[in-house]
Amino acid sequence: MWACTEGLRLSALWDNAPSAAIVWEPASVKAKDGLGPASHQNWKRTVVEMGSVSEMPGAAKVLVVEDTEDWRRVLSESFTQAGYFTVTAGDGREALRAFFERQPDLVVLDLALPSMHGTEICRHIKSSSNVPVIVHSGTEAEKEKVLAFQSGADDYIVKGTGLRELIARASASLRRSRAAPDRTARRVFEDAALCIDFESQNVTLHGRLLGLTPIEYRLLSTLAAAPGWTFSAADLMQAVWGPEYQTSGLVKWHIMRLRKKIEEDYRKPGLIVTRWGFGYAYVKQLQQGLEAGAAVPVAA
């Protein structure tokens, strides 16, 4: 799952004054692919002038989405040392769940991720919030930049750019988001049938409060976080139960129990559908009914 260093603030990382913080910068040696750190030995320690402590965005929470462990660690450490709280995710599924559960103020997002491309993650984030998203990608291709901005990204930074610049641009995005009164996360998922409050963990169906178990809530919130996206049984096992569980039959059994609580007829589901050979998907409901072509009558 995601690892969290929330609340970690190490005063020893400040250099004799509250106006300086330490981050890591790429040294002259680059990884063989030119896109990421081969190890921490290829990074140099840099002092960053950050202004007074009162100006530090200490309460801001940053979600770092990066599948490469070295990059994920370097970014997390750099943002933490600059005064941010950090939450990390290593793939698209973890990223969406961490976004809805941890409610970050800003997202730093890689594009080439396992299980879901970064542009798809960005679209899901922007469909339910106005949280700033900074793409941090290894490609300079114009096509990728255009796709990122079309998906809702607020900024695009190529890997290898100094981390001082990344943190400065993150700070600028946060200032802009805080200055705009409507740029706040909704913290809920809502369509014509279902409403999930990610703070209270209450779920209502057509205005009626549902009594879901913790497992049922995690299953439903994971699926609803990415409407239309197909999650395999293995994906749901990882997201809901964790890597130590390997029995996919658990997923089928709990999906059936969940359908009995939310579907008009659990034997012909229209909210959580089965896509044979692939997995399960939540179908977002419109005011006029189901999305065209999305309902697939299936057996439980």
Protein backbone atom coordinates (compact mmCIF):
# COMPACT_ATOMS: atom_id res chain seq x y z
CA MET A 1 0.00 0.00 0.00
CA TRP A 2 1.06 3.61 0.42
CA ALA A 3 3.66 4.62 2.96
CA CYS A 4 3.11 7.76 5.02
CA THR A 5 5.61 10.13 6.64
CA GLU A 6 2.84 12.47 7.73
CA GLY A 7 3.81 14.86 10.48
CA LEU A 8 7.53 14.11 10.18
CA ARG A 9 9.51 17.30 10.72
CA LEU A 10 13.19 16.93 11.58
CA SER A 11 14.61 20.12 13.05
CA ALA A 12 18.12 18.70 12.63
CA LEU A 13 17.73 19.17 8.87
CA TRP A 14 17.71 22.93 9.23
CA ASP A 15 21.11 24.58 8.87
CA ASN A 16 21.63 27.01 11.78
CA ALA A 17 18.73 29.20 10.73
CA PRO A 18 15.01 28.77 10.13
CA SER A 19 15.35 30.16 6.61
CA ALA A 20 17.24 27.23 5.08
CA ALA A 21 16.12 23.72 4.25
CA ILE A 22 17.96 20.79 2.71
CA VAL A 23 16.86 19.06 -0.49
CA TRP A 24 18.57 16.71 -2.92
CA GLU A 25 19.67 17.76 -6.40
CA PRO A 26 20.83 15.63 -9.36
CA ALA A 27 24.62 15.45 -9.49
CA SER A 28 26.60 15.30 -12.73
CA VAL A 29 26.27 11.51 -12.86
CA LYS A 30 22.94 10.38 -14.26
CA ALA A 31 21.21 7.05 -14.36
CA LYS A 32 21.79 5.03 -17.51
CA ASP A 33 18.35 5.85 -18.89
CA GLY A 34 18.85 9.52 -18.08
CA LEU A 35 15.48 9.69 -16.36
CA GLY A 36 16.01 8.82 -12.74
CA PRO A 37 18.49 8.41 -9.93
CA ALA A 38 20.54 5.24 -10.10
CA SER A 39 21.15 5.61 -6.35
CA HIS A 40 21.45 8.26 -3.68
CA GLN A 41 25.15 8.53 -4.57
CA ASN A 42 24.10 10.35 -7.74
CA TRP A 43 22.42 13.12 -5.76
CA LYS A 44 23.99 16.07 -3.95
CA ARG A 45 22.84 17.86 -0.80
CA THR A 46 21.68 21.44 -1.43
CA VAL A 47 20.62 24.18 0.98
CA VAL A 48 17.44 25.96 -0.13
CA GLU A 49 16.45 29.42 1.08
CA MET A 50 12.80 29.11 2.05
CA GLY A 51 11.97 32.35 3.91
CA SER A 52 10.83 32.49 7.51
CA VAL A 53 9.32 29.53 9.30
CA SER A 54 5.94 31.26 9.41
CA GLU A 55 5.96 31.30 5.62
CA MET A 56 6.67 27.59 5.34
CA PRO A 57 3.66 25.57 4.14
CA GLY A 58 3.93 23.29 7.18
CA ALA A 59 0.32 22.15 7.12
CA ALA A 60 0.31 21.29 3.42
CA LYS A 61 0.10 17.62 2.50
CA VAL A 62 1.73 16.37 -0.71
CA LEU A 63 0.88 13.05 -2.36
CA VAL A 64 3.89 11.75 -4.31
CA VAL A 65 2.90 9.17 -6.95
CA GLU A 66 5.98 7.45 -8.35
CA ASP A 67 6.68 3.79 -9.12
CA THR A 68 10.49 4.02 -8.98
CA GLU A 69 11.56 3.50 -5.38
CA ASP A 70 14.61 5.83 -5.52
CA TRP A 71 12.60 8.67 -7.04
CA ARG A 72 9.78 8.12 -4.57
CA ARG A 73 12.18 8.27 -1.63
CA VAL A 74 14.07 11.32 -2.91
CA LEU A 75 10.87 13.27 -3.59
CA SER A 76 9.30 12.30 -0.28
CA GLU A 77 12.41 13.21 1.70
CA SER A 78 12.85 16.50 -0.13
CA PHE A 79 9.27 17.63 0.41
CA THR A 80 9.34 16.48 4.03
CA GLN A 81 12.59 18.34 4.70
CA ALA A 82 11.11 21.44 3.06
CA GLY A 83 8.31 21.43 5.64
CA TYR A 84 5.55 19.45 3.94
CA PHE A 85 3.72 16.35 5.08
CA THR A 86 4.17 13.58 2.52
CA VAL A 87 2.16 10.56 1.48
CA THR A 88 3.49 8.23 -1.23
CA ALA A 89 1.94 5.75 -3.65
CA GLY A 90 3.67 3.38 -6.06
CA ASP A 91 0.94 2.80 -8.64
CA GLY A 92 -2.34 4.18 -9.92
CA ARG A 93 -4.66 2.15 -7.69
CA GLU A 94 -2.77 3.15 -4.55
CA ALA A 95 -2.69 6.75 -5.75
CA LEU A 96 -6.46 7.09 -6.09
CA ARG A 97 -7.16 5.43 -2.79
CA ALA A 98 -4.51 7.57 -1.03
CA PHE A 99 -5.96 10.68 -2.66
CA PHE A 100 -9.48 10.09 -1.39
CA GLU A 101 -8.48 8.77 2.03
CA ARG A 102 -5.58 11.14 2.84
CA GLN A 103 -6.98 14.24 1.08
CA PRO A 104 -3.70 15.88 0.02
CA ASP A 105 -3.35 19.57 -0.81
CA LEU A 106 -1.17 18.86 -3.86
CA VAL A 107 -0.24 15.84 -6.01
CA VAL A 108 3.13 15.20 -7.67
CA LEU A 109 2.38 12.63 -10.34
CA ASP A 110 4.50 10.44 -12.59
CA LEU A 111 2.89 9.38 -15.88
CA ALA A 112 4.34 5.92 -16.62
CA LEU A 113 2.80 3.95 -13.76
CA PRO A 114 1.73 0.34 -13.26
CA SER A 115 -2.01 -0.41 -13.41
CA MET A 116 -3.12 3.06 -14.57
CA HIS A 117 -1.52 5.84 -16.63
CA GLY A 118 -0.89 9.14 -14.90
CA THR A 119 -3.22 11.07 -17.21
CA GLU A 120 -6.09 8.76 -16.20
CA ILE A 121 -5.30 9.36 -12.52
CA CYS A 122 -5.24 13.10 -13.15
CA ARG A 123 -8.66 13.01 -14.82
CA HIS A 124 -10.15 11.13 -11.87
CA ILE A 125 -8.63 13.59 -9.38
CA LYS A 126 -9.86 16.61 -11.30
CA SER A 127 -13.34 15.15 -11.73
CA SER A 128 -13.87 15.28 -7.96
CA SER A 129 -11.61 18.09 -6.74
CA ASN A 130 -9.56 21.14 -7.66
CA VAL A 131 -6.39 19.93 -5.93
CA PRO A 132 -3.33 21.05 -7.94
CA VAL A 133 -1.55 18.28 -9.86
CA ILE A 134 2.09 18.66 -10.94
CA VAL A 135 3.21 16.05 -13.45
CA HIS A 136 6.80 14.91 -12.83
CA SER A 137 7.71 12.84 -15.88
CA GLY A 138 10.78 11.42 -17.55
CA THR A 139 9.69 12.47 -21.05
CA GLU A 140 10.04 15.87 -22.70
CA ALA A 141 7.81 14.91 -25.63
CA GLU A 142 5.34 17.64 -26.53
CA LYS A 143 2.58 15.06 -27.07
CA GLU A 144 2.88 13.84 -23.47
CA LYS A 145 2.81 17.39 -22.15
CA VAL A 146 -0.31 18.21 -24.16
CA LEU A 147 -2.06 15.05 -22.94
CA ALA A 148 -1.12 15.88 -19.35
CA PHE A 149 -2.52 19.40 -19.55
CA GLN A 150 -5.64 18.15 -21.33
CA SER A 151 -6.23 15.74 -18.45
CA GLY A 152 -6.18 18.66 -16.02
CA ALA A 153 -2.56 18.94 -14.87
CA ASP A 154 -1.60 22.33 -13.44
CA ASP A 155 2.13 22.06 -14.22
CA TYR A 156 4.60 19.76 -15.98
CA ILE A 157 8.18 19.23 -14.84
CA VAL A 158 10.69 16.94 -16.53
CA LYS A 159 12.68 14.61 -14.29
CA GLY A 160 16.20 15.88 -13.83
CA THR A 161 14.98 19.44 -13.21
CA GLY A 162 16.38 20.68 -9.91
CA LEU A 163 14.31 19.76 -6.89
CA ARG A 164 14.56 23.33 -5.63
CA GLU A 165 12.58 24.38 -8.72
CA LEU A 166 10.07 21.54 -8.23
CA ILE A 167 9.45 22.56 -4.62
CA ALA A 168 9.23 26.24 -5.56
CA ARG A 169 6.66 25.48 -8.26
CA ALA A 170 4.72 23.26 -5.88
CA SER A 171 4.65 26.12 -3.38
CA ALA A 172 3.41 28.50 -6.09
CA SER A 173 0.63 26.07 -7.07
CA LEU A 174 -0.43 25.80 -3.44
CA ARG A 175 -0.52 29.60 -3.06
CA ARG A 176 -2.71 29.90 -6.14
CA SER A 177 -5.06 27.14 -4.96
CA ARG A 178 -5.43 28.69 -1.52
CA ALA A 179 -6.09 32.13 -2.99
CA ALA A 180 -9.05 30.78 -5.00
CA PRO A 181 -12.05 30.13 -2.74
CA ASP A 182 -13.49 27.40 -4.95
CA ARG A 183 -10.29 25.36 -5.21
CA THR A 184 -10.98 22.92 -2.39
CA ALA A 185 -11.36 19.17 -2.45
CA ARG A 186 -14.97 18.06 -2.37
CA ARG A 187 -14.05 15.02 -0.25
CA VAL A 188 -17.11 13.20 -1.49
CA PHE A 189 -18.05 11.02 -4.44
CA GLU A 190 -21.56 11.61 -5.69
CA ASP A 191 -23.67 10.57 -8.65
CA ALA A 192 -27.40 10.14 -9.23
CA ALA A 193 -27.54 7.04 -7.01
CA LEU A 194 -24.67 7.01 -4.56
CA CYS A 195 -22.93 9.45 -2.21
CA ILE A 196 -19.69 8.51 -0.40
CA ASP A 197 -18.39 10.88 2.27
CA PHE A 198 -14.68 10.05 2.57
CA GLU A 199 -14.33 11.95 5.86
CA SER A 200 -17.19 10.36 7.81
CA GLN A 201 -17.10 7.15 5.71
CA ASN A 202 -20.88 7.34 5.44
CA VAL A 203 -22.47 5.98 2.26
CA THR A 204 -26.00 6.83 1.14
CA LEU A 205 -28.01 5.27 -1.68
CA HIS A 206 -30.75 7.54 -3.01
CA GLY A 207 -30.53 9.42 0.28
CA ARG A 208 -30.75 6.31 2.47
CA LEU A 209 -27.81 5.61 4.80
CA LEU A 210 -26.27 2.20 4.14
CA GLY A 211 -24.86 -0.07 6.82
CA LEU A 212 -21.63 -1.27 5.21
CA THR A 213 -18.91 -3.31 6.85
CA PRO A 214 -15.34 -1.89 6.71
CA ILE A 215 -14.46 -4.32 3.91
CA GLU A 216 -17.57 -3.40 1.92
CA TYR A 217 -16.82 0.30 2.36
CA ARG A 218 -13.22 -0.11 1.16
CA LEU A 219 -14.35 -2.15 -1.84
CA LEU A 220 -16.98 0.39 -2.84
CA SER A 221 -14.77 3.45 -2.28
CA THR A 222 -11.93 1.85 -4.27
CA LEU A 223 -14.23 1.11 -7.23
CA ALA A 224 -16.04 4.47 -7.09
CA ALA A 225 -12.76 6.38 -6.96
CA ALA A 226 -12.23 5.42 -10.62
CA PRO A 227 -15.69 5.09 -12.26
CA GLY A 228 -15.64 2.93 -15.36
CA TRP A 229 -12.18 1.56 -14.64
CA THR A 230 -11.94 -2.23 -14.46
CA PHE A 231 -10.25 -3.60 -11.34
CA SER A 232 -9.09 -7.20 -11.42
CA ALA A 233 -9.67 -9.41 -8.37
CA ALA A 234 -5.92 -9.16 -7.67
CA ASP A 235 -6.11 -5.35 -7.79
CA LEU A 236 -8.94 -5.33 -5.26
CA MET A 237 -7.18 -7.85 -3.03
CA GLN A 238 -4.12 -5.58 -2.94
CA ALA A 239 -6.12 -2.40 -2.35
CA VAL A 240 -8.56 -3.72 0.28
CA TRP A 241 -6.86 -6.62 2.07
CA GLY A 242 -3.16 -6.03 1.34
CA PRO A 243 -0.40 -8.14 -0.23
CA GLU A 244 -0.52 -10.89 2.41
CA TYR A 245 -3.91 -12.11 1.13
CA GLN A 246 -3.96 -14.15 -2.07
CA THR A 247 -7.50 -15.66 -2.08
CA SER A 248 -9.41 -14.00 -4.91
CA GLY A 249 -12.55 -15.88 -3.85
CA LEU A 250 -12.85 -13.35 -1.01
CA VAL A 251 -13.41 -10.60 -3.56
CA LYS A 252 -16.25 -12.42 -5.32
CA TRP A 253 -17.99 -13.22 -2.03
CA HIS A 254 -17.76 -9.66 -0.67
CA ILE A 255 -18.80 -8.16 -4.02
CA MET A 256 -21.94 -10.31 -3.89
CA ARG A 257 -22.71 -9.11 -0.34
CA LEU A 258 -22.10 -5.49 -1.38
CA ARG A 259 -24.37 -5.86 -4.41
CA LYS A 260 -27.18 -7.13 -2.18
CA LYS A 261 -27.00 -3.82 -0.30
CA ILE A 262 -26.74 -1.39 -3.22
CA GLU A 263 -28.34 -3.01 -6.27
CA GLU A 264 -32.06 -3.14 -7.10
CA ASP A 265 -31.47 -6.73 -8.18
CA TYR A 266 -28.05 -8.08 -7.17
CA ARG A 267 -28.36 -10.79 -9.83
CA LYS A 268 -28.55 -8.11 -12.55
CA PRO A 269 -26.22 -5.42 -11.20
CA GLY A 270 -26.08 -1.96 -12.72
CA LEU A 271 -23.74 -0.24 -10.27
CA ILE A 272 -20.92 -2.74 -9.80
CA VAL A 273 -20.67 -4.72 -13.03
CA THR A 274 -18.54 -7.71 -13.93
CA ARG A 275 -16.43 -7.52 -17.06
CA TRP A 276 -15.82 -11.16 -17.76
CA GLY A 277 -12.17 -12.15 -17.83
CA PHE A 278 -11.08 -8.73 -16.56
CA GLY A 279 -12.71 -7.83 -13.25
CA TYR A 280 -15.18 -5.37 -11.73
CA ALA A 281 -16.08 -1.75 -12.42
CA TYR A 282 -18.32 0.86 -10.87
CA VAL A 283 -20.69 2.48 -13.39
CA LYS A 284 -21.33 6.13 -12.60
CA GLN A 285 -25.03 6.90 -12.64
CA LEU A 286 -26.48 9.85 -14.52
CA GLN A 287 -29.74 11.61 -13.77
CA GLN A 288 -31.37 9.88 -16.73
CA GLY A 289 -30.17 6.46 -15.64
CA LEU A 290 -27.13 4.40 -16.42
CA GLU A 291 -24.41 5.57 -18.72
CA ALA A 292 -25.07 4.40 -22.24
CA GLY A 293 -23.84 0.89 -22.82
CA ALA A 294 -22.36 0.58 -19.34
CA ALA A 295 -24.85 -1.74 -17.64
CA VAL A 296 -24.01 -5.37 -18.18
CA PRO A 297 -26.45 -7.90 -16.69
CA VAL A 298 -24.35 -10.62 -15.07
CA ALA A 299 -24.67 -13.34 -12.52
CA ALA A 300 -23.32 -12.68 -9.03
